[in-house]
Every structure is written in C-alpha cells, then in structure tokens.
Amino acid sequence: MSYSTSIYDVWRRAGFVVNKLLKGSKASEIPIELPTKFELVINLKTAKALSLAVPLHLQQLADEVIE
C-alpha cells in the first residue's frame, strides 16, 4: 500500500517551473510548491502473499488497486 504524491502531477508542475526559468526568472524568485494531489495505491497480490486482509472499504477508497 502506498499513499504519496501523484508522479504525473509532479512532472506537470515541473514543466511550469522550467517554463518560468526559460523565460528568464531567477530560480530564487520561483516559489516552492507543495504537492496538492495524493494517490492511494493498494497491491492486493502482495497483501495476499503476506497473508494480509485489506478491508473492502479501503479498496473502494483507493485510487488504484493492483490485483
């Protein structure tokens, strides 16, 4: 199970920062951005191999379930 930032969202936001740098902004002038989108991913195959039960409610809340 993993709860972390969306890697796609991070790369998309990185593009905006690179754009600002290429337009001449100083790196020290660009604000630090915190991630805003997080994803919950559950790997049921690994949970089964470890003899762990993942509640159905938690599976329904997940953004991605790997079977």
PDB file of N, CA and C in Angstrom:
ATOM      1  N   MET A   1       0.854  -1.157   0.000  1.00  0.00           N
ATOM      2  CA  MET A   1       0.000   0.000   0.000  1.00  0.00           C
ATOM      3  C   MET A   1       0.901   1.220   0.000  1.00  0.00           C
ATOM      4  N   SER A   2       0.515   2.222  -0.764  1.00  0.00           N
ATOM      5  CA  SER A   2       1.305   3.444  -0.876  1.00  0.00           C
ATOM      6  C   SER A   2       0.369   4.651  -0.893  1.00  0.00           C
ATOM      7  N   TYR A   3       0.722   5.647  -0.139  1.00  0.00           N
ATOM      8  CA  TYR A   3      -0.004   6.920  -0.160  1.00  0.00           C
ATOM      9  C   TYR A   3       1.037   7.994  -0.402  1.00  0.00           C
ATOM     10  N   SER A   4       1.046   8.533  -1.609  1.00  0.00           N
ATOM     11  CA  SER A   4       2.076   9.520  -1.947  1.00  0.00           C
ATOM     12  C   SER A   4       1.551  10.485  -3.003  1.00  0.00           C
ATOM     13  N   THR A   5       2.416  11.396  -3.397  1.00  0.00           N
ATOM     14  CA  THR A   5       2.043  12.374  -4.407  1.00  0.00           C
ATOM     15  C   THR A   5       1.867  11.705  -5.756  1.00  0.00           C
ATOM     16  N   SER A   6       1.070  12.303  -6.575  1.00  0.00           N
ATOM     17  CA  SER A   6       0.876  11.817  -7.936  1.00  0.00           C
ATOM     18  C   SER A   6       2.094  12.204  -8.757  1.00  0.00           C
ATOM     19  N   ILE A   7       2.833  11.216  -9.267  1.00  0.00           N
ATOM     20  CA  ILE A   7       4.043  11.487 -10.024  1.00  0.00           C
ATOM     21  C   ILE A   7       3.728  12.265 -11.298  1.00  0.00           C
ATOM     22  N   TYR A   8       2.566  12.014 -11.890  1.00  0.00           N
ATOM     23  CA  TYR A   8       2.172  12.739 -13.094  1.00  0.00           C
ATOM     24  C   TYR A   8       1.925  14.212 -12.791  1.00  0.00           C
ATOM     25  N   ASP A   9       1.327  14.490 -11.662  1.00  0.00           N
ATOM     26  CA  ASP A   9       1.083  15.871 -11.265  1.00  0.00           C
ATOM     27  C   ASP A   9       2.396  16.595 -10.966  1.00  0.00           C
ATOM     28  N   VAL A  10       3.339  15.895 -10.344  1.00  0.00           N
ATOM     29  CA  VAL A  10       4.641  16.491 -10.035  1.00  0.00           C
ATOM     30  C   VAL A  10       5.369  16.861 -11.324  1.00  0.00           C
ATOM     31  N   TRP A  11       5.379  15.969 -12.313  1.00  0.00           N
ATOM     32  CA  TRP A  11       6.048  16.255 -13.585  1.00  0.00           C
ATOM     33  C   TRP A  11       5.348  17.389 -14.331  1.00  0.00           C
ATOM     34  N   ARG A  12       4.031  17.428 -14.252  1.00  0.00           N
ATOM     35  CA  ARG A  12       3.296  18.507 -14.925  1.00  0.00           C
ATOM     36  C   ARG A  12       3.656  19.851 -14.319  1.00  0.00           C
ATOM     37  N   ARG A  13       3.708  19.909 -12.986  1.00  0.00           N
ATOM     38  CA  ARG A  13       4.062  21.154 -12.308  1.00  0.00           C
ATOM     39  C   ARG A  13       5.524  21.527 -12.570  1.00  0.00           C
ATOM     40  N   ALA A  14       6.387  20.530 -12.724  1.00  0.00           N
ATOM     41  CA  ALA A  14       7.798  20.802 -13.024  1.00  0.00           C
ATOM     42  C   ALA A  14       7.922  21.514 -14.368  1.00  0.00           C
ATOM     43  N   GLY A  15       7.054  21.188 -15.291  1.00  0.00           N
ATOM     44  CA  GLY A  15       7.057  21.866 -16.586  1.00  0.00           C
ATOM     45  C   GLY A  15       6.801  23.352 -16.462  1.00  0.00           C
ATOM     46  N   PHE A  16       5.925  23.738 -15.549  1.00  0.00           N
ATOM     47  CA  PHE A  16       5.654  25.161 -15.331  1.00  0.00           C
ATOM     48  C   PHE A  16       6.886  25.879 -14.763  1.00  0.00           C
ATOM     49  N   VAL A  17       7.604  25.198 -13.888  1.00  0.00           N
ATOM     50  CA  VAL A  17       8.809  25.790 -13.294  1.00  0.00           C
ATOM     51  C   VAL A  17       9.880  25.951 -14.365  1.00  0.00           C
ATOM     52  N   VAL A  18      10.071  24.950 -15.195  1.00  0.00           N
ATOM     53  CA  VAL A  18      11.060  25.036 -16.275  1.00  0.00           C
ATOM     54  C   VAL A  18      10.691  26.163 -17.233  1.00  0.00           C
ATOM     55  N   ASN A  19       9.415  26.305 -17.517  1.00  0.00           N
ATOM     56  CA  ASN A  19       8.955  27.381 -18.386  1.00  0.00           C
ATOM     57  C   ASN A  19       9.330  28.750 -17.815  1.00  0.00           C
ATOM     58  N   LYS A  20       9.138  28.929 -16.510  1.00  0.00           N
ATOM     59  CA  LYS A  20       9.484  30.198 -15.867  1.00  0.00           C
ATOM     60  C   LYS A  20      10.984  30.449 -15.954  1.00  0.00           C
ATOM     61  N   LEU A  21      11.780  29.402 -15.757  1.00  0.00           N
ATOM     62  CA  LEU A  21      13.241  29.544 -15.840  1.00  0.00           C
ATOM     63  C   LEU A  21      13.674  29.909 -17.256  1.00  0.00           C
ATOM     64  N   LEU A  22      13.080  29.275 -18.255  1.00  0.00           N
ATOM     65  CA  LEU A  22      13.442  29.568 -19.644  1.00  0.00           C
ATOM     66  C   LEU A  22      13.021  30.961 -20.077  1.00  0.00           C
ATOM     67  N   LYS A  23      12.014  31.517 -19.401  1.00  0.00           N
ATOM     68  CA  LYS A  23      11.577  32.875 -19.714  1.00  0.00           C
ATOM     69  C   LYS A  23      12.408  33.931 -18.990  1.00  0.00           C
ATOM     70  N   GLY A  24      13.389  33.478 -18.170  1.00  0.00           N
ATOM     71  CA  GLY A  24      14.311  34.415 -17.558  1.00  0.00           C
ATOM     72  C   GLY A  24      14.145  34.652 -16.070  1.00  0.00           C
ATOM     73  N   SER A  25      13.225  34.003 -15.430  1.00  0.00           N
ATOM     74  CA  SER A  25      13.069  34.171 -13.979  1.00  0.00           C
ATOM     75  C   SER A  25      14.277  33.568 -13.263  1.00  0.00           C
ATOM     76  N   LYS A  26      14.649  34.185 -12.161  1.00  0.00           N
ATOM     77  CA  LYS A  26      15.718  33.636 -11.340  1.00  0.00           C
ATOM     78  C   LYS A  26      15.138  32.485 -10.512  1.00  0.00           C
ATOM     79  N   ALA A  27      15.951  31.478 -10.289  1.00  0.00           N
ATOM     80  CA  ALA A  27      15.499  30.319  -9.514  1.00  0.00           C
ATOM     81  C   ALA A  27      15.094  30.730  -8.104  1.00  0.00           C
ATOM     82  N   SER A  28      15.755  31.725  -7.548  1.00  0.00           N
ATOM     83  CA  SER A  28      15.438  32.166  -6.191  1.00  0.00           C
ATOM     84  C   SER A  28      14.109  32.915  -6.125  1.00  0.00           C
ATOM     85  N   GLU A  29      13.590  33.347  -7.262  1.00  0.00           N
ATOM     86  CA  GLU A  29      12.327  34.085  -7.292  1.00  0.00           C
ATOM     87  C   GLU A  29      11.113  33.173  -7.482  1.00  0.00           C
ATOM     88  N   ILE A  30      11.359  31.922  -7.845  1.00  0.00           N
ATOM     89  CA  ILE A  30      10.257  30.995  -8.089  1.00  0.00           C
ATOM     90  C   ILE A  30       9.865  30.354  -6.757  1.00  0.00           C
ATOM     91  N   PRO A  31       8.595  30.464  -6.361  1.00  0.00           N
ATOM     92  CA  PRO A  31       8.173  29.913  -5.069  1.00  0.00           C
ATOM     93  C   PRO A  31       8.208  28.384  -5.049  1.00  0.00           C
ATOM     94  N   ILE A  32       8.430  27.843  -3.882  1.00  0.00           N
ATOM     95  CA  ILE A  32       8.392  26.402  -3.701  1.00  0.00           C
ATOM     96  C   ILE A  32       6.937  25.969  -3.677  1.00  0.00           C
ATOM     97  N   GLU A  33       6.632  24.934  -4.436  1.00  0.00           N
ATOM     98  CA  GLU A  33       5.256  24.441  -4.496  1.00  0.00           C
ATOM     99  C   GLU A  33       5.157  23.103  -3.779  1.00  0.00           C
ATOM    100  N   LEU A  34       4.152  22.975  -2.955  1.00  0.00           N
ATOM    101  CA  LEU A  34       3.890  21.707  -2.282  1.00  0.00           C
ATOM    102  C   LEU A  34       2.898  20.907  -3.109  1.00  0.00           C
ATOM    103  N   PRO A  35       3.013  19.588  -3.092  1.00  0.00           N
ATOM    104  CA  PRO A  35       2.063  18.784  -3.860  1.00  0.00           C
ATOM    105  C   PRO A  35       0.639  18.971  -3.365  1.00  0.00           C
ATOM    106  N   THR A  36      -0.293  18.906  -4.299  1.00  0.00           N
ATOM    107  CA  THR A  36      -1.699  19.083  -3.945  1.00  0.00           C
ATOM    108  C   THR A  36      -2.522  17.831  -4.212  1.00  0.00           C
ATOM    109  N   LYS A  37      -1.993  16.917  -5.018  1.00  0.00           N
ATOM    110  CA  LYS A  37      -2.727  15.697  -5.346  1.00  0.00           C
ATOM    111  C   LYS A  37      -1.961  14.493  -4.806  1.00  0.00           C
ATOM    112  N   PHE A  38      -2.666  13.650  -4.066  1.00  0.00           N
ATOM    113  CA  PHE A  38      -2.084  12.446  -3.488  1.00  0.00           C
ATOM    114  C   PHE A  38      -2.878  11.236  -3.976  1.00  0.00           C
ATOM    115  N   GLU A  39      -2.199  10.098  -4.068  1.00  0.00           N
ATOM    116  CA  GLU A  39      -2.838   8.882  -4.537  1.00  0.00           C
ATOM    117  C   GLU A  39      -2.640   7.755  -3.526  1.00  0.00           C
ATOM    118  N   LEU A  40      -3.671   6.946  -3.370  1.00  0.00           N
ATOM    119  CA  LEU A  40      -3.605   5.739  -2.552  1.00  0.00           C
ATOM    120  C   LEU A  40      -3.628   4.552  -3.500  1.00  0.00           C
ATOM    121  N   VAL A  41      -2.554   3.738  -3.471  1.00  0.00           N
ATOM    122  CA  VAL A  41      -2.440   2.566  -4.321  1.00  0.00           C
ATOM    123  C   VAL A  41      -2.299   1.345  -3.425  1.00  0.00           C
ATOM    124  N   ILE A  42      -3.097   0.320  -3.697  1.00  0.00           N
ATOM    125  CA  ILE A  42      -3.069  -0.910  -2.904  1.00  0.00           C
ATOM    126  C   ILE A  42      -2.728  -2.078  -3.825  1.00  0.00           C
ATOM    127  N   ASN A  43      -1.748  -2.865  -3.423  1.00  0.00           N
ATOM    128  CA  ASN A  43      -1.341  -4.047  -4.172  1.00  0.00           C
ATOM    129  C   ASN A  43      -1.912  -5.280  -3.458  1.00  0.00           C
ATOM    130  N   LEU A  44      -3.016  -5.798  -3.981  1.00  0.00           N
ATOM    131  CA  LEU A  44      -3.686  -6.941  -3.352  1.00  0.00           C
ATOM    132  C   LEU A  44      -2.887  -8.233  -3.497  1.00  0.00           C
ATOM    133  N   LYS A  45      -2.133  -8.352  -4.591  1.00  0.00           N
ATOM    134  CA  LYS A  45      -1.326  -9.549  -4.799  1.00  0.00           C
ATOM    135  C   LYS A  45      -0.264  -9.678  -3.704  1.00  0.00           C
ATOM    136  N   THR A  46       0.389  -8.567  -3.384  1.00  0.00           N
ATOM    137  CA  THR A  46       1.395  -8.574  -2.319  1.00  0.00           C
ATOM    138  C   THR A  46       0.741  -8.778  -0.960  1.00  0.00           C
ATOM    139  N   ALA A  47      -0.398  -8.150  -0.740  1.00  0.00           N
ATOM    140  CA  ALA A  47      -1.107  -8.323   0.533  1.00  0.00           C
ATOM    141  C   ALA A  47      -1.489  -9.789   0.736  1.00  0.00           C
ATOM    142  N   LYS A  48      -1.927 -10.433  -0.333  1.00  0.00           N
ATOM    143  CA  LYS A  48      -2.295 -11.846  -0.237  1.00  0.00           C
ATOM    144  C   LYS A  48      -1.057 -12.702   0.065  1.00  0.00           C
ATOM    145  N   ALA A  49       0.077 -12.384  -0.578  1.00  0.00           N
ATOM    146  CA  ALA A  49       1.309 -13.135  -0.338  1.00  0.00           C
ATOM    147  C   ALA A  49       1.783 -12.991   1.105  1.00  0.00           C
ATOM    148  N   LEU A  50       1.475 -11.844   1.722  1.00  0.00           N
ATOM    149  CA  LEU A  50       1.854 -11.594   3.118  1.00  0.00           C
ATOM    150  C   LEU A  50       0.750 -12.007   4.092  1.00  0.00           C
ATOM    151  N   SER A  51      -0.294 -12.590   3.579  1.00  0.00           N
ATOM    152  CA  SER A  51      -1.457 -13.027   4.377  1.00  0.00           C
ATOM    153  C   SER A  51      -2.111 -11.863   5.116  1.00  0.00           C
ATOM    154  N   LEU A  52      -2.209 -10.733   4.425  1.00  0.00           N
ATOM    155  CA  LEU A  52      -2.859  -9.551   4.992  1.00  0.00           C
ATOM    156  C   LEU A  52      -4.228  -9.364   4.358  1.00  0.00           C
ATOM    157  N   ALA A  53      -5.192  -9.024   5.157  1.00  0.00           N
ATOM    158  CA  ALA A  53      -6.539  -8.753   4.654  1.00  0.00           C
ATOM    159  C   ALA A  53      -6.711  -7.243   4.511  1.00  0.00           C
ATOM    160  N   VAL A  54      -7.103  -6.819   3.312  1.00  0.00           N
ATOM    161  CA  VAL A  54      -7.354  -5.396   3.065  1.00  0.00           C
ATOM    162  C   VAL A  54      -8.860  -5.208   3.027  1.00  0.00           C
ATOM    163  N   PRO A  55      -9.404  -4.420   3.962  1.00  0.00           N
ATOM    164  CA  PRO A  55     -10.854  -4.227   4.006  1.00  0.00           C
ATOM    165  C   PRO A  55     -11.412  -3.685   2.683  1.00  0.00           C
ATOM    166  N   LEU A  56     -12.586  -4.140   2.311  1.00  0.00           N
ATOM    167  CA  LEU A  56     -13.230  -3.716   1.069  1.00  0.00           C
ATOM    168  C   LEU A  56     -13.415  -2.202   1.033  1.00  0.00           C
ATOM    169  N   HIS A  57     -13.766  -1.620   2.175  1.00  0.00           N
ATOM    170  CA  HIS A  57     -13.963  -0.171   2.233  1.00  0.00           C
ATOM    171  C   HIS A  57     -12.679   0.571   1.846  1.00  0.00           C
ATOM    172  N   LEU A  58     -11.540   0.087   2.298  1.00  0.00           N
ATOM    173  CA  LEU A  58     -10.259   0.709   1.960  1.00  0.00           C
ATOM    174  C   LEU A  58      -9.952   0.532   0.487  1.00  0.00           C
ATOM    175  N   GLN A  59     -10.289  -0.614  -0.077  1.00  0.00           N
ATOM    176  CA  GLN A  59     -10.090  -0.850  -1.504  1.00  0.00           C
ATOM    177  C   GLN A  59     -10.931   0.101  -2.341  1.00  0.00           C
ATOM    178  N   GLN A  60     -12.122   0.393  -1.871  1.00  0.00           N
ATOM    179  CA  GLN A  60     -13.012   1.300  -2.606  1.00  0.00           C
ATOM    180  C   GLN A  60     -12.516   2.737  -2.563  1.00  0.00           C
ATOM    181  N   LEU A  61     -11.802   3.099  -1.511  1.00  0.00           N
ATOM    182  CA  LEU A  61     -11.274   4.456  -1.392  1.00  0.00           C
ATOM    183  C   LEU A  61     -10.005   4.665  -2.207  1.00  0.00           C
ATOM    184  N   ALA A  62      -9.329   3.582  -2.568  1.00  0.00           N
ATOM    185  CA  ALA A  62      -8.055   3.660  -3.275  1.00  0.00           C
ATOM    186  C   ALA A  62      -8.216   4.237  -4.669  1.00  0.00           C
ATOM    187  N   ASP A  63      -7.192   4.966  -5.119  1.00  0.00           N
ATOM    188  CA  ASP A  63      -7.174   5.492  -6.491  1.00  0.00           C
ATOM    189  C   ASP A  63      -6.840   4.381  -7.485  1.00  0.00           C
ATOM    190  N   GLU A  64      -6.023   3.415  -7.038  1.00  0.00           N
ATOM    191  CA  GLU A  64      -5.642   2.293  -7.886  1.00  0.00           C
ATOM    192  C   GLU A  64      -5.509   1.051  -7.036  1.00  0.00           C
ATOM    193  N   VAL A  65      -6.053  -0.061  -7.530  1.00  0.00           N
ATOM    194  CA  VAL A  65      -5.934  -1.348  -6.863  1.00  0.00           C
ATOM    195  C   VAL A  65      -5.267  -2.299  -7.835  1.00  0.00           C
ATOM    196  N   ILE A  66      -4.118  -2.839  -7.438  1.00  0.00           N
ATOM    197  CA  ILE A  66      -3.379  -3.787  -8.271  1.00  0.00           C
ATOM    198  C   ILE A  66      -3.759  -5.193  -7.817  1.00  0.00           C
ATOM    199  N   GLU A  67      -4.247  -5.996  -8.755  1.00  0.00           N
ATOM    200  CA  GLU A  67      -4.698  -7.349  -8.384  1.00  0.00           C
ATOM    201  C   GLU A  67      -3.744  -8.406  -8.853  1.00  0.00           C
TER     202      GLU A  67
END
